[in-house]
């Protein structure tokens, strides 16, 4: 039973405009991500938004994403891990969920086939934190079993990397060759490269 956390509270300073609102196919980046995880069979999807971000709220309304599945981060300036902690502390998760995936908002170019491999890998290692490894480096997204997800609520780690450096349960790596895993959309040229990469693989 999989819960998906889509991180959408960043300010996109290096991009110069909101990454989650950029066009992607016939919708926006956030619209694509929500649709992607629905198609992958996520049992529940929640989006973490910055408090007062009216633009992302308007886009979530436009795509019909329910207000009760939006998590507000009142202090997004504290970084990505603060959004993950907001998600871990949120009381709206379905009781039956066993795992959560932390999905970055700037990876719309990841193929469904790659993510499905990671879902299957996580299902084969249900007690472990699971993440892809590509080019010798650990990548996102990250799968967390319930024990690890709940540990985040009280963690004093400075960021997700620090949390994963001293994990509460063992980490298993899924070795993949998909070059898309090493690309995040931080700058305008990354966005263009992500679109080219996605279209080339379509």
Protein backbone atom coordinates (compact mmCIF):
# COMPACT_ATOMS: atom_id res chain seq x y z
CA UNK A 1 0.00 0.00 0.00
CA UNK A 2 1.87 3.01 -1.32
CA UNK A 3 1.57 6.67 -0.38
CA UNK A 4 3.24 9.22 -2.65
CA UNK A 5 4.62 12.52 -1.36
CA UNK A 6 5.10 15.04 -4.18
CA UNK A 7 7.33 17.88 -3.04
CA UNK A 8 6.10 21.21 -4.41
CA UNK A 9 7.14 23.80 -1.82
CA UNK A 10 10.43 24.97 -3.32
CA UNK A 11 10.93 28.54 -4.54
CA UNK A 12 12.66 27.58 -7.81
CA UNK A 13 15.16 30.43 -7.41
CA UNK A 14 17.65 29.04 -9.92
CA UNK A 15 14.89 28.43 -12.49
CA UNK A 16 13.51 31.95 -12.15
CA UNK A 17 9.91 30.73 -12.24
CA UNK A 18 7.90 28.02 -10.54
CA UNK A 19 9.13 24.64 -11.80
CA UNK A 20 5.93 22.80 -10.94
CA UNK A 21 3.91 25.16 -13.14
CA UNK A 22 6.06 24.76 -16.25
CA UNK A 23 4.28 23.19 -19.25
CA UNK A 24 4.70 19.44 -19.60
CA UNK A 25 2.90 17.79 -22.49
CA UNK A 26 -0.75 18.79 -22.35
CA UNK A 27 -0.58 19.84 -18.71
CA UNK A 28 1.92 21.21 -16.17
CA UNK A 29 4.78 19.49 -14.39
CA UNK A 30 2.64 19.02 -11.27
CA UNK A 31 -0.29 17.81 -13.38
CA UNK A 32 1.94 15.26 -15.06
CA UNK A 33 3.38 14.02 -11.76
CA UNK A 34 -0.05 13.53 -10.19
CA UNK A 35 -1.27 11.65 -13.27
CA UNK A 36 1.91 9.56 -13.42
CA UNK A 37 1.62 8.32 -9.84
CA UNK A 38 -2.08 7.63 -10.26
CA UNK A 39 -1.28 5.49 -13.29
CA UNK A 40 1.42 3.69 -11.31
CA UNK A 41 -1.19 2.64 -8.78
CA UNK A 42 -0.32 4.79 -5.77
CA UNK A 43 -2.98 4.25 -3.12
CA UNK A 44 -2.79 7.85 -1.90
CA UNK A 45 -1.07 10.96 -3.27
CA UNK A 46 -0.37 14.11 -1.29
CA UNK A 47 1.29 17.32 -2.48
CA UNK A 48 3.38 19.42 -0.08
CA UNK A 49 2.94 23.13 -0.85
CA UNK A 50 4.42 26.28 0.62
CA UNK A 51 2.05 28.32 2.76
CA UNK A 52 0.65 31.22 0.77
CA UNK A 53 1.59 29.85 -2.64
CA UNK A 54 -1.56 30.83 -4.48
CA UNK A 55 -0.20 29.88 -7.91
CA UNK A 56 0.38 26.23 -7.06
CA UNK A 57 -2.97 26.10 -5.28
CA UNK A 58 -4.67 27.48 -8.38
CA UNK A 59 -2.96 24.88 -10.56
CA UNK A 60 -3.98 22.07 -8.21
CA UNK A 61 -7.55 23.35 -8.44
CA UNK A 62 -7.31 23.42 -12.24
CA UNK A 63 -6.21 19.79 -12.44
CA UNK A 64 -8.83 18.73 -9.89
CA UNK A 65 -6.44 17.69 -7.15
CA UNK A 66 -8.44 17.55 -3.89
CA UNK A 67 -7.75 20.19 -1.24
CA UNK A 68 -7.82 17.59 1.52
CA UNK A 69 -4.75 15.91 0.00
CA UNK A 70 -2.59 19.04 0.14
CA UNK A 71 -0.06 19.43 2.94
CA UNK A 72 1.03 22.96 3.85
CA UNK A 73 4.63 23.65 4.84
CA UNK A 74 4.60 26.84 6.89
CA UNK A 75 8.41 27.14 6.78
CA UNK A 76 9.60 26.00 3.34
CA UNK A 77 12.70 28.20 3.67
CA UNK A 78 14.05 25.51 6.00
CA UNK A 79 14.59 23.26 2.99
CA UNK A 80 13.29 20.09 1.38
CA UNK A 81 13.60 17.99 4.52
CA UNK A 82 11.14 20.30 6.29
CA UNK A 83 8.57 19.40 3.63
CA UNK A 84 9.27 15.70 4.11
CA UNK A 85 8.83 16.12 7.87
CA UNK A 86 5.53 17.93 7.28
CA UNK A 87 4.40 14.95 5.22
CA UNK A 88 5.53 12.44 7.86
CA UNK A 89 3.65 14.37 10.57
CA UNK A 90 0.48 14.80 8.52
CA UNK A 91 -2.58 13.09 9.99
CA UNK A 92 -4.36 12.60 6.69
CA UNK A 93 -2.64 9.43 5.55
CA UNK A 94 -4.76 6.32 5.10
CA UNK A 95 -4.26 3.85 7.91
CA UNK A 96 -3.45 0.94 5.61
CA UNK A 97 -0.40 2.45 3.92
CA UNK A 98 2.79 0.47 4.38
CA UNK A 99 5.27 2.49 2.29
CA UNK A 100 5.83 6.05 1.12
CA UNK A 101 7.76 7.34 -1.86
CA UNK A 102 9.32 10.80 -1.74
CA UNK A 103 8.89 12.16 -5.28
CA UNK A 104 10.81 15.28 -6.26
CA UNK A 105 8.82 17.90 -8.09
CA UNK A 106 11.60 18.46 -10.59
CA UNK A 107 11.76 14.97 -12.09
CA UNK A 108 8.78 14.78 -14.48
CA UNK A 109 11.06 13.19 -17.09
CA UNK A 110 11.36 9.89 -15.18
CA UNK A 111 9.77 7.15 -17.20
CA UNK A 112 6.90 5.10 -15.81
CA UNK A 113 8.86 1.94 -16.65
CA UNK A 114 11.76 3.04 -14.44
CA UNK A 115 9.47 3.92 -11.56
CA UNK A 116 7.61 0.62 -11.92
CA UNK A 117 10.93 -1.23 -11.58
CA UNK A 118 11.54 0.70 -8.36
CA UNK A 119 8.07 -0.10 -7.05
CA UNK A 120 8.66 -3.79 -7.73
CA UNK A 121 12.11 -3.61 -6.10
CA UNK A 122 10.62 -2.00 -2.99
CA UNK A 123 7.93 -4.68 -2.83
CA UNK A 124 10.69 -7.30 -2.88
CA UNK A 125 12.46 -5.57 0.04
CA UNK A 126 9.52 -4.47 2.21
CA UNK A 127 11.50 -3.89 5.40
CA UNK A 128 14.14 -1.68 3.80
CA UNK A 129 14.56 1.87 2.56
CA UNK A 130 14.89 1.49 -1.21
CA UNK A 131 16.37 3.87 -3.72
CA UNK A 132 17.89 3.78 -7.19
CA UNK A 133 21.60 3.84 -7.78
CA UNK A 134 22.86 5.00 -11.14
CA UNK A 135 26.38 5.85 -12.23
CA UNK A 136 27.66 4.87 -8.80
CA UNK A 137 25.51 7.49 -7.05
CA UNK A 138 22.30 7.12 -5.08
CA UNK A 139 19.38 8.87 -6.73
CA UNK A 140 15.79 9.86 -6.12
CA UNK A 141 13.01 8.93 -5.59
CA UNK A 142 13.28 7.23 -2.20
CA UNK A 143 10.95 4.52 -0.86
CA UNK A 144 10.43 4.38 2.90
CA UNK A 145 8.71 1.63 4.90
CA UNK A 146 6.42 2.76 7.70
CA UNK A 147 9.10 2.50 10.42
CA UNK A 148 11.50 4.77 8.53
CA UNK A 149 8.80 7.23 7.48
CA UNK A 150 7.65 7.67 11.08
CA UNK A 151 11.24 8.15 12.25
CA UNK A 152 11.40 11.28 10.10
CA UNK A 153 8.85 13.04 12.33
CA UNK A 154 11.34 13.42 15.17
CA UNK A 155 14.60 13.34 13.24
CA UNK A 156 17.10 16.13 13.86
CA UNK A 157 18.90 15.46 10.56
CA UNK A 158 19.78 18.58 8.63
CA UNK A 159 18.52 17.14 5.35
CA UNK A 160 17.38 13.91 3.72
CA UNK A 161 20.92 12.89 2.80
CA UNK A 162 21.96 13.09 6.46
CA UNK A 163 18.92 11.02 7.46
CA UNK A 164 19.82 8.38 4.88
CA UNK A 165 23.46 8.37 6.00
CA UNK A 166 22.28 7.00 9.37
CA UNK A 167 19.04 5.23 8.44
CA UNK A 168 16.73 3.60 10.99
CA UNK A 169 16.50 0.50 8.76
CA UNK A 170 18.84 -0.95 6.15
CA UNK A 171 19.02 0.60 2.68
CA UNK A 172 18.74 -1.47 -0.48
CA UNK A 173 19.87 -0.05 -3.82
CA UNK A 174 18.21 -0.83 -7.12
CA UNK A 175 20.94 -0.64 -9.77
CA UNK A 176 19.65 1.13 -12.88
CA UNK A 177 21.21 2.59 -16.02
CA UNK A 178 18.48 5.16 -16.79
CA UNK A 179 20.34 8.45 -17.39
CA UNK A 180 17.18 10.41 -16.51
CA UNK A 181 17.82 9.63 -12.85
CA UNK A 182 20.84 11.95 -12.74
CA UNK A 183 18.96 15.00 -14.03
CA UNK A 184 17.03 17.44 -11.83
CA UNK A 185 15.36 20.52 -13.26
CA UNK A 186 17.22 23.35 -11.54
CA UNK A 187 17.95 25.73 -14.42
CA UNK A 188 16.16 26.59 -17.70
CA UNK A 189 18.65 24.48 -19.67
CA UNK A 190 17.83 21.49 -17.42
CA UNK A 191 14.15 21.91 -18.27
CA UNK A 192 14.91 21.85 -21.99
CA UNK A 193 17.16 18.81 -21.59
CA UNK A 194 14.49 17.02 -19.53
CA UNK A 195 11.91 17.60 -22.26
CA UNK A 196 14.30 16.31 -24.94
CA UNK A 197 15.12 13.27 -22.84
CA UNK A 198 11.48 12.50 -22.14
CA UNK A 199 10.40 12.92 -25.75
CA UNK A 200 13.30 10.78 -27.00
CA UNK A 201 12.19 7.92 -24.76
CA UNK A 202 8.47 8.27 -25.55
